[in-house]
Amino acid sequence: MAQPISTIQKNIPTKEEQNEQKLKDLKLLLTDNEEALNQIFNLISDLNDIGVLEAANSMLQAKEKIAKIALGQVTREPVTNLINNLMGAAGALTSIDPELTKKLLNSVTIGMDEGSKHLEKDEKVGVLDLVKVLKDPDINRAIGFGLHFLKGMGKGLKEE
């Protein structure tokens, strides 16, 4: 019978052997990806020729100055107002029903078309014409929507 294994020999490579293995792996990687490496070198060469690398290097060297300027610009009142307005608008838009928004925008488009047709005719609208068109269900619906919209908007302006 064979003797039982009492010790395990673990092969731990030396630093030189590790470096040799890394060099072999690197050579294999270079030969396997020669075309890609050539394209990368061409790209870097082109970027260097047009001055992009120099500009990027200069930006990295002046990163603190650039950050200070950018921070100064972002903290200006108009920019902070813009950011606050965008956040407020985004919050308001998330609370609106998307189907209603789609319907409203579609209605605005149709209304713009109708308004353009009227402008081409260049007809005057009299007071009697206004009273007559109130019977039109489309106009009545739009005026009703507008009035209730203004009422709701007034309520919203009153609330704090």
N, C-alpha and C. Protein backbone atom coordinates (compact mmCIF):
# COMPACT_ATOMS: atom_id res chain seq x y z
N MET A 1 0.83 -1.18 0.00
CA MET A 1 0.00 0.00 0.00
C MET A 1 0.87 1.24 0.00
N ALA A 2 0.35 2.30 -0.60
CA ALA A 2 1.08 3.55 -0.67
C ALA A 2 0.96 4.27 0.66
N GLN A 3 1.94 5.08 0.90
CA GLN A 3 1.92 5.83 2.15
C GLN A 3 1.01 7.04 2.01
N PRO A 4 0.30 7.40 3.07
CA PRO A 4 -0.58 8.57 2.99
C PRO A 4 0.25 9.85 2.87
N ILE A 5 -0.36 10.81 2.18
CA ILE A 5 0.30 12.10 1.99
C ILE A 5 0.21 12.86 3.31
N SER A 6 1.35 13.27 3.81
CA SER A 6 1.36 13.96 5.09
C SER A 6 1.67 15.45 4.93
N THR A 7 2.30 15.83 3.82
CA THR A 7 2.59 17.24 3.58
C THR A 7 2.24 17.58 2.14
N ILE A 8 1.81 18.82 1.96
CA ILE A 8 1.46 19.29 0.61
C ILE A 8 2.50 20.30 0.20
N GLN A 9 3.10 20.05 -0.95
CA GLN A 9 4.11 20.95 -1.48
C GLN A 9 3.42 21.99 -2.36
N LYS A 10 3.40 23.21 -1.92
CA LYS A 10 2.79 24.29 -2.69
C LYS A 10 3.92 25.04 -3.38
N ASN A 11 3.78 25.19 -4.71
CA ASN A 11 4.81 25.86 -5.49
C ASN A 11 4.54 27.36 -5.49
N ILE A 12 5.32 28.10 -4.75
CA ILE A 12 5.18 29.55 -4.69
C ILE A 12 6.28 30.14 -5.56
N PRO A 13 5.88 30.79 -6.68
CA PRO A 13 6.91 31.32 -7.57
C PRO A 13 7.64 32.51 -6.93
N THR A 14 8.87 32.64 -7.31
CA THR A 14 9.67 33.76 -6.82
C THR A 14 9.24 35.03 -7.56
N LYS A 15 9.76 36.15 -7.11
CA LYS A 15 9.44 37.44 -7.74
C LYS A 15 9.88 37.44 -9.20
N GLU A 16 11.07 36.87 -9.48
CA GLU A 16 11.56 36.79 -10.86
C GLU A 16 10.65 35.94 -11.72
N GLU A 17 10.20 34.80 -11.19
CA GLU A 17 9.31 33.91 -11.94
C GLU A 17 7.97 34.60 -12.21
N GLN A 18 7.49 35.35 -11.23
CA GLN A 18 6.24 36.09 -11.43
C GLN A 18 6.41 37.14 -12.52
N ASN A 19 7.54 37.85 -12.50
CA ASN A 19 7.79 38.86 -13.53
C ASN A 19 7.92 38.24 -14.91
N GLU A 20 8.59 37.08 -15.00
CA GLU A 20 8.71 36.38 -16.28
C GLU A 20 7.34 35.97 -16.80
N GLN A 21 6.50 35.47 -15.91
CA GLN A 21 5.15 35.05 -16.32
C GLN A 21 4.33 36.25 -16.80
N LYS A 22 4.47 37.36 -16.11
CA LYS A 22 3.76 38.57 -16.53
C LYS A 22 4.24 39.04 -17.90
N LEU A 23 5.56 38.96 -18.14
CA LEU A 23 6.09 39.34 -19.46
C LEU A 23 5.57 38.42 -20.55
N LYS A 24 5.51 37.12 -20.27
CA LYS A 24 4.97 36.17 -21.25
C LYS A 24 3.51 36.50 -21.57
N ASP A 25 2.73 36.76 -20.51
CA ASP A 25 1.31 37.09 -20.68
C ASP A 25 1.15 38.38 -21.48
N LEU A 26 2.01 39.36 -21.20
CA LEU A 26 1.95 40.63 -21.92
C LEU A 26 2.31 40.46 -23.39
N LYS A 27 3.33 39.67 -23.68
CA LYS A 27 3.71 39.40 -25.07
C LYS A 27 2.57 38.73 -25.81
N LEU A 28 1.94 37.75 -25.16
CA LEU A 28 0.82 37.04 -25.78
C LEU A 28 -0.34 38.00 -26.04
N LEU A 29 -0.62 38.88 -25.08
CA LEU A 29 -1.70 39.87 -25.23
C LEU A 29 -1.40 40.84 -26.37
N LEU A 30 -0.15 41.26 -26.47
CA LEU A 30 0.24 42.18 -27.55
C LEU A 30 0.10 41.53 -28.92
N THR A 31 0.52 40.29 -29.04
CA THR A 31 0.44 39.62 -30.34
C THR A 31 -1.01 39.30 -30.70
N ASP A 32 -1.83 39.00 -29.72
CA ASP A 32 -3.23 38.68 -30.00
C ASP A 32 -4.03 39.92 -30.39
N ASN A 33 -3.63 41.09 -29.92
CA ASN A 33 -4.39 42.31 -30.15
C ASN A 33 -3.59 43.36 -30.93
N GLU A 34 -2.78 42.90 -31.85
CA GLU A 34 -1.90 43.81 -32.58
C GLU A 34 -2.69 44.87 -33.35
N GLU A 35 -3.75 44.46 -34.03
CA GLU A 35 -4.53 45.41 -34.84
C GLU A 35 -5.19 46.48 -33.97
N ALA A 36 -5.75 46.06 -32.86
CA ALA A 36 -6.40 47.02 -31.95
C ALA A 36 -5.37 47.99 -31.38
N LEU A 37 -4.21 47.48 -31.02
CA LEU A 37 -3.16 48.36 -30.48
C LEU A 37 -2.70 49.36 -31.52
N ASN A 38 -2.56 48.92 -32.76
CA ASN A 38 -2.16 49.84 -33.83
C ASN A 38 -3.19 50.95 -33.99
N GLN A 39 -4.47 50.60 -33.92
CA GLN A 39 -5.52 51.62 -34.03
C GLN A 39 -5.45 52.60 -32.85
N ILE A 40 -5.20 52.09 -31.66
CA ILE A 40 -5.09 52.96 -30.49
C ILE A 40 -3.93 53.92 -30.65
N PHE A 41 -2.78 53.40 -31.11
CA PHE A 41 -1.61 54.26 -31.30
C PHE A 41 -1.86 55.30 -32.39
N ASN A 42 -2.57 54.92 -33.46
CA ASN A 42 -2.92 55.89 -34.51
C ASN A 42 -3.84 56.97 -33.96
N LEU A 43 -4.80 56.56 -33.15
CA LEU A 43 -5.73 57.52 -32.55
C LEU A 43 -4.98 58.49 -31.64
N ILE A 44 -4.12 57.97 -30.81
CA ILE A 44 -3.35 58.83 -29.92
C ILE A 44 -2.45 59.77 -30.72
N SER A 45 -1.88 59.27 -31.78
CA SER A 45 -1.03 60.11 -32.63
C SER A 45 -1.84 61.24 -33.26
N ASP A 46 -3.03 60.92 -33.75
CA ASP A 46 -3.89 61.95 -34.34
C ASP A 46 -4.30 62.99 -33.29
N LEU A 47 -4.64 62.52 -32.09
CA LEU A 47 -5.00 63.45 -31.02
C LEU A 47 -3.83 64.36 -30.66
N ASN A 48 -2.64 63.81 -30.67
CA ASN A 48 -1.45 64.60 -30.38
C ASN A 48 -1.20 65.62 -31.49
N ASP A 49 -1.41 65.21 -32.75
CA ASP A 49 -1.17 66.11 -33.88
C ASP A 49 -2.08 67.33 -33.84
N ILE A 50 -3.32 67.16 -33.41
CA ILE A 50 -4.25 68.30 -33.40
C ILE A 50 -4.22 69.05 -32.07
N GLY A 51 -3.40 68.60 -31.12
CA GLY A 51 -3.21 69.35 -29.88
C GLY A 51 -4.14 68.97 -28.74
N VAL A 52 -4.92 67.92 -28.91
CA VAL A 52 -5.86 67.53 -27.86
C VAL A 52 -5.12 67.02 -26.62
N LEU A 53 -4.07 66.26 -26.83
CA LEU A 53 -3.33 65.72 -25.68
C LEU A 53 -2.67 66.84 -24.88
N GLU A 54 -2.14 67.82 -25.58
CA GLU A 54 -1.52 68.95 -24.90
C GLU A 54 -2.56 69.72 -24.10
N ALA A 55 -3.74 69.92 -24.70
CA ALA A 55 -4.82 70.64 -24.00
C ALA A 55 -5.28 69.86 -22.77
N ALA A 56 -5.42 68.54 -22.92
CA ALA A 56 -5.85 67.72 -21.79
C ALA A 56 -4.80 67.75 -20.68
N ASN A 57 -3.54 67.69 -21.06
CA ASN A 57 -2.46 67.75 -20.08
C ASN A 57 -2.48 69.09 -19.35
N SER A 58 -2.68 70.18 -20.09
CA SER A 58 -2.74 71.51 -19.48
C SER A 58 -3.93 71.60 -18.53
N MET A 59 -5.06 71.02 -18.92
CA MET A 59 -6.24 71.04 -18.06
C MET A 59 -5.98 70.26 -16.77
N LEU A 60 -5.28 69.14 -16.89
CA LEU A 60 -4.98 68.35 -15.69
C LEU A 60 -4.05 69.12 -14.76
N GLN A 61 -3.11 69.85 -15.33
CA GLN A 61 -2.19 70.62 -14.50
C GLN A 61 -2.91 71.78 -13.82
N ALA A 62 -3.92 72.33 -14.47
CA ALA A 62 -4.65 73.48 -13.93
C ALA A 62 -6.00 73.07 -13.34
N LYS A 63 -6.14 71.81 -12.94
CA LYS A 63 -7.44 71.30 -12.49
C LYS A 63 -8.02 72.08 -11.31
N GLU A 64 -7.18 72.53 -10.40
CA GLU A 64 -7.69 73.27 -9.25
C GLU A 64 -8.25 74.62 -9.67
N LYS A 65 -7.55 75.30 -10.57
CA LYS A 65 -8.03 76.60 -11.06
C LYS A 65 -9.34 76.42 -11.84
N ILE A 66 -9.38 75.37 -12.67
CA ILE A 66 -10.59 75.11 -13.47
C ILE A 66 -11.77 74.78 -12.55
N ALA A 67 -11.52 73.96 -11.54
CA ALA A 67 -12.59 73.60 -10.60
C ALA A 67 -13.10 74.84 -9.87
N LYS A 68 -12.18 75.73 -9.50
CA LYS A 68 -12.58 76.96 -8.80
C LYS A 68 -13.45 77.84 -9.70
N ILE A 69 -13.06 77.96 -10.97
CA ILE A 69 -13.83 78.77 -11.92
C ILE A 69 -15.21 78.14 -12.14
N ALA A 70 -15.23 76.81 -12.36
CA ALA A 70 -16.51 76.12 -12.59
C ALA A 70 -17.43 76.26 -11.38
N LEU A 71 -16.87 76.10 -10.20
CA LEU A 71 -17.67 76.23 -8.98
C LEU A 71 -18.20 77.65 -8.83
N GLY A 72 -17.37 78.63 -9.19
CA GLY A 72 -17.81 80.02 -9.14
C GLY A 72 -18.95 80.29 -10.09
N GLN A 73 -18.90 79.67 -11.28
CA GLN A 73 -19.96 79.86 -12.26
C GLN A 73 -21.26 79.16 -11.83
N VAL A 74 -21.13 77.98 -11.26
CA VAL A 74 -22.32 77.21 -10.86
C VAL A 74 -23.03 77.86 -9.68
N THR A 75 -22.28 78.54 -8.82
CA THR A 75 -22.90 79.13 -7.63
C THR A 75 -23.46 80.52 -7.89
N ARG A 76 -23.36 81.01 -9.11
CA ARG A 76 -23.97 82.31 -9.43
C ARG A 76 -25.49 82.20 -9.32
N GLU A 77 -26.12 83.31 -8.95
CA GLU A 77 -27.57 83.29 -8.71
C GLU A 77 -28.38 82.83 -9.93
N PRO A 78 -28.09 83.29 -11.15
CA PRO A 78 -28.89 82.82 -12.28
C PRO A 78 -28.81 81.30 -12.47
N VAL A 79 -27.64 80.73 -12.22
CA VAL A 79 -27.49 79.28 -12.40
C VAL A 79 -28.23 78.53 -11.30
N THR A 80 -28.12 79.00 -10.06
CA THR A 80 -28.84 78.33 -8.98
C THR A 80 -30.35 78.47 -9.18
N ASN A 81 -30.79 79.63 -9.68
CA ASN A 81 -32.21 79.80 -9.99
C ASN A 81 -32.65 78.80 -11.06
N LEU A 82 -31.83 78.64 -12.09
CA LEU A 82 -32.14 77.68 -13.15
C LEU A 82 -32.26 76.27 -12.59
N ILE A 83 -31.31 75.88 -11.76
CA ILE A 83 -31.33 74.54 -11.18
C ILE A 83 -32.57 74.36 -10.31
N ASN A 84 -32.89 75.35 -9.50
CA ASN A 84 -34.08 75.27 -8.65
C ASN A 84 -35.35 75.20 -9.49
N ASN A 85 -35.41 75.99 -10.57
CA ASN A 85 -36.59 75.96 -11.44
C ASN A 85 -36.72 74.60 -12.13
N LEU A 86 -35.60 74.06 -12.59
CA LEU A 86 -35.66 72.74 -13.24
C LEU A 86 -36.12 71.67 -12.26
N MET A 87 -35.64 71.74 -11.03
CA MET A 87 -36.07 70.76 -10.02
C MET A 87 -37.55 70.92 -9.71
N GLY A 88 -38.01 72.17 -9.61
CA GLY A 88 -39.44 72.41 -9.36
C GLY A 88 -40.30 71.93 -10.51
N ALA A 89 -39.85 72.23 -11.73
CA ALA A 89 -40.61 71.79 -12.92
C ALA A 89 -40.63 70.27 -13.01
N ALA A 90 -39.50 69.63 -12.71
CA ALA A 90 -39.45 68.17 -12.75
C ALA A 90 -40.39 67.58 -11.71
N GLY A 91 -40.43 68.19 -10.53
CA GLY A 91 -41.35 67.72 -9.49
C GLY A 91 -42.80 67.87 -9.91
N ALA A 92 -43.11 69.00 -10.55
CA ALA A 92 -44.49 69.22 -11.01
C ALA A 92 -44.85 68.25 -12.12
N LEU A 93 -43.92 68.02 -13.04
CA LEU A 93 -44.20 67.11 -14.16
C LEU A 93 -44.41 65.67 -13.69
N THR A 94 -43.76 65.28 -12.62
CA THR A 94 -43.94 63.91 -12.14
C THR A 94 -45.31 63.71 -11.52
N SER A 95 -45.97 64.79 -11.11
CA SER A 95 -47.29 64.64 -10.49
C SER A 95 -48.42 64.74 -11.51
N ILE A 96 -48.10 65.05 -12.76
CA ILE A 96 -49.14 65.18 -13.80
C ILE A 96 -49.32 63.84 -14.51
N ASP A 97 -50.57 63.53 -14.80
CA ASP A 97 -50.90 62.30 -15.53
C ASP A 97 -50.36 62.41 -16.95
N PRO A 98 -49.51 61.47 -17.39
CA PRO A 98 -48.91 61.55 -18.73
C PRO A 98 -49.95 61.53 -19.86
N GLU A 99 -51.02 60.80 -19.66
CA GLU A 99 -52.06 60.73 -20.71
C GLU A 99 -52.74 62.09 -20.88
N LEU A 100 -52.99 62.79 -19.76
CA LEU A 100 -53.59 64.11 -19.82
C LEU A 100 -52.64 65.09 -20.51
N THR A 101 -51.36 65.00 -20.19
CA THR A 101 -50.37 65.88 -20.83
C THR A 101 -50.33 65.63 -22.33
N LYS A 102 -50.35 64.36 -22.72
CA LYS A 102 -50.33 64.01 -24.14
C LYS A 102 -51.57 64.56 -24.84
N LYS A 103 -52.71 64.41 -24.21
CA LYS A 103 -53.97 64.89 -24.78
C LYS A 103 -53.96 66.41 -24.91
N LEU A 104 -53.45 67.09 -23.87
CA LEU A 104 -53.40 68.54 -23.88
C LEU A 104 -52.46 69.06 -24.96
N LEU A 105 -51.28 68.45 -25.08
CA LEU A 105 -50.32 68.89 -26.11
C LEU A 105 -50.85 68.62 -27.51
N ASN A 106 -51.54 67.51 -27.70
CA ASN A 106 -52.16 67.22 -28.99
C ASN A 106 -53.23 68.26 -29.31
N SER A 107 -54.01 68.64 -28.29
CA SER A 107 -55.04 69.65 -28.47
C SER A 107 -54.42 71.00 -28.82
N VAL A 108 -53.31 71.34 -28.21
CA VAL A 108 -52.62 72.60 -28.51
C VAL A 108 -52.18 72.60 -29.97
N THR A 109 -51.68 71.48 -30.45
CA THR A 109 -51.24 71.38 -31.85
C THR A 109 -52.40 71.60 -32.80
N ILE A 110 -53.51 70.95 -32.51
CA ILE A 110 -54.70 71.11 -33.36
C ILE A 110 -55.19 72.55 -33.30
N GLY A 111 -55.17 73.15 -32.10
CA GLY A 111 -55.59 74.55 -31.94
C GLY A 111 -54.69 75.49 -32.72
N MET A 112 -53.39 75.22 -32.75
CA MET A 112 -52.46 76.05 -33.52
C MET A 112 -52.79 75.98 -35.01
N ASP A 113 -53.14 74.79 -35.48
CA ASP A 113 -53.52 74.64 -36.90
C ASP A 113 -54.77 75.45 -37.21
N GLU A 114 -55.77 75.34 -36.34
CA GLU A 114 -57.01 76.08 -36.56
C GLU A 114 -56.76 77.59 -36.50
N GLY A 115 -55.93 78.03 -35.55
CA GLY A 115 -55.60 79.45 -35.43
C GLY A 115 -54.88 79.96 -36.67
N SER A 116 -54.00 79.14 -37.22
CA SER A 116 -53.28 79.53 -38.45
C SER A 116 -54.24 79.69 -39.62
N LYS A 117 -55.22 78.81 -39.70
CA LYS A 117 -56.21 78.92 -40.77
C LYS A 117 -56.99 80.22 -40.66
N HIS A 118 -57.33 80.59 -39.42
CA HIS A 118 -58.07 81.85 -39.21
C HIS A 118 -57.22 83.05 -39.62
N LEU A 119 -55.94 83.02 -39.29
CA LEU A 119 -55.05 84.14 -39.63
C LEU A 119 -54.94 84.32 -41.14
N GLU A 120 -55.01 83.23 -41.89
CA GLU A 120 -54.93 83.32 -43.35
C GLU A 120 -56.15 84.02 -43.93
N LYS A 121 -57.33 83.86 -43.27
CA LYS A 121 -58.56 84.48 -43.76
C LYS A 121 -58.59 85.98 -43.47
N ASP A 122 -57.94 86.40 -42.40
CA ASP A 122 -57.89 87.79 -42.00
C ASP A 122 -59.29 88.38 -41.80
N GLU A 123 -60.15 87.62 -41.08
CA GLU A 123 -61.51 88.08 -40.79
C GLU A 123 -61.56 88.67 -39.38
N LYS A 124 -62.42 89.67 -39.21
CA LYS A 124 -62.60 90.26 -37.88
C LYS A 124 -63.66 89.45 -37.13
N VAL A 125 -63.48 89.38 -35.80
CA VAL A 125 -64.43 88.68 -34.94
C VAL A 125 -65.18 89.73 -34.16
N GLY A 126 -66.51 89.68 -34.30
CA GLY A 126 -67.34 90.65 -33.60
C GLY A 126 -67.88 90.07 -32.30
N VAL A 127 -68.53 90.94 -31.52
CA VAL A 127 -69.10 90.53 -30.24
C VAL A 127 -70.19 89.49 -30.45
N LEU A 128 -71.01 89.68 -31.48
CA LEU A 128 -72.08 88.73 -31.77
C LEU A 128 -71.50 87.37 -32.16
N ASP A 129 -70.34 87.39 -32.87
CA ASP A 129 -69.67 86.13 -33.24
C ASP A 129 -69.23 85.38 -31.98
N LEU A 130 -68.77 86.10 -30.97
CA LEU A 130 -68.34 85.46 -29.73
C LEU A 130 -69.51 84.76 -29.03
N VAL A 131 -70.67 85.41 -29.02
CA VAL A 131 -71.84 84.82 -28.39
C VAL A 131 -72.27 83.58 -29.16
N LYS A 132 -72.22 83.62 -30.50
CA LYS A 132 -72.63 82.48 -31.31
C LYS A 132 -71.72 81.28 -31.11
N VAL A 133 -70.40 81.52 -31.04
CA VAL A 133 -69.47 80.38 -30.95
C VAL A 133 -69.51 79.69 -29.59
N LEU A 134 -70.12 80.33 -28.59
CA LEU A 134 -70.25 79.67 -27.30
C LEU A 134 -71.12 78.42 -27.39
N LYS A 135 -71.98 78.36 -28.42
CA LYS A 135 -72.82 77.18 -28.62
C LYS A 135 -72.05 76.03 -29.25
N ASP A 136 -70.90 76.34 -29.84
CA ASP A 136 -70.07 75.29 -30.45
C ASP A 136 -69.48 74.44 -29.32
N PRO A 137 -69.72 73.11 -29.33
CA PRO A 137 -69.27 72.26 -28.22
C PRO A 137 -67.74 72.26 -28.05
N ASP A 138 -67.00 72.36 -29.14
CA ASP A 138 -65.54 72.37 -29.03
C ASP A 138 -65.04 73.64 -28.33
N ILE A 139 -65.59 74.77 -28.74
CA ILE A 139 -65.19 76.04 -28.13
C ILE A 139 -65.65 76.09 -26.68
N ASN A 140 -66.87 75.62 -26.43
CA ASN A 140 -67.39 75.61 -25.06
C ASN A 140 -66.52 74.75 -24.16
N ARG A 141 -66.08 73.60 -24.68
CA ARG A 141 -65.22 72.70 -23.92
C ARG A 141 -63.89 73.38 -23.60
N ALA A 142 -63.31 74.07 -24.60
CA ALA A 142 -62.02 74.74 -24.40
C ALA A 142 -62.15 75.90 -23.41
N ILE A 143 -63.22 76.67 -23.52
CA ILE A 143 -63.43 77.79 -22.60
C ILE A 143 -63.67 77.26 -21.18
N GLY A 144 -64.46 76.20 -21.07
CA GLY A 144 -64.70 75.59 -19.75
C GLY A 144 -63.40 75.09 -19.13
N PHE A 145 -62.58 74.44 -19.94
CA PHE A 145 -61.28 73.96 -19.46
C PHE A 145 -60.43 75.13 -19.01
N GLY A 146 -60.39 76.18 -19.82
CA GLY A 146 -59.59 77.35 -19.49
C GLY A 146 -60.05 78.02 -18.21
N LEU A 147 -61.36 78.17 -18.06
CA LEU A 147 -61.89 78.81 -16.84
C LEU A 147 -61.56 77.99 -15.59
N HIS A 148 -61.76 76.66 -15.68
CA HIS A 148 -61.47 75.81 -14.52
C HIS A 148 -59.96 75.72 -14.27
N PHE A 149 -59.18 75.78 -15.33
CA PHE A 149 -57.73 75.82 -15.18
C PHE A 149 -57.31 77.07 -14.41
N LEU A 150 -57.89 78.21 -14.81
CA LEU A 150 -57.56 79.47 -14.13
C LEU A 150 -58.04 79.46 -12.68
N LYS A 151 -59.20 78.83 -12.42
CA LYS A 151 -59.69 78.74 -11.07
C LYS A 151 -58.74 77.91 -10.20
N GLY A 152 -58.33 76.77 -10.72
CA GLY A 152 -57.38 75.92 -9.99
C GLY A 152 -56.04 76.61 -9.79
N MET A 153 -55.61 77.34 -10.79
CA MET A 153 -54.36 78.06 -10.68
C MET A 153 -54.46 79.15 -9.61
N GLY A 154 -55.58 79.80 -9.56
CA GLY A 154 -55.81 80.80 -8.51
C GLY A 154 -55.80 80.18 -7.13
N LYS A 155 -56.41 79.00 -6.99
CA LYS A 155 -56.38 78.30 -5.70
C LYS A 155 -54.93 77.97 -5.31
N GLY A 156 -54.19 77.50 -6.29
CA GLY A 156 -52.79 77.16 -6.04
C GLY A 156 -51.97 78.37 -5.65
N LEU A 157 -52.26 79.51 -6.22
CA LEU A 157 -51.53 80.74 -5.88
C LEU A 157 -51.89 81.23 -4.50
N LYS A 158 -53.11 80.93 -4.06
CA LYS A 158 -53.55 81.37 -2.73
C LYS A 158 -52.92 80.53 -1.63
N GLU A 159 -52.74 79.23 -1.88
CA GLU A 159 -52.17 78.32 -0.89
C GLU A 159 -50.70 78.64 -0.67
N GLU A 160 -50.24 78.41 0.56
CA GLU A 160 -48.83 78.66 0.87
C GLU A 160 -48.12 77.41 1.27
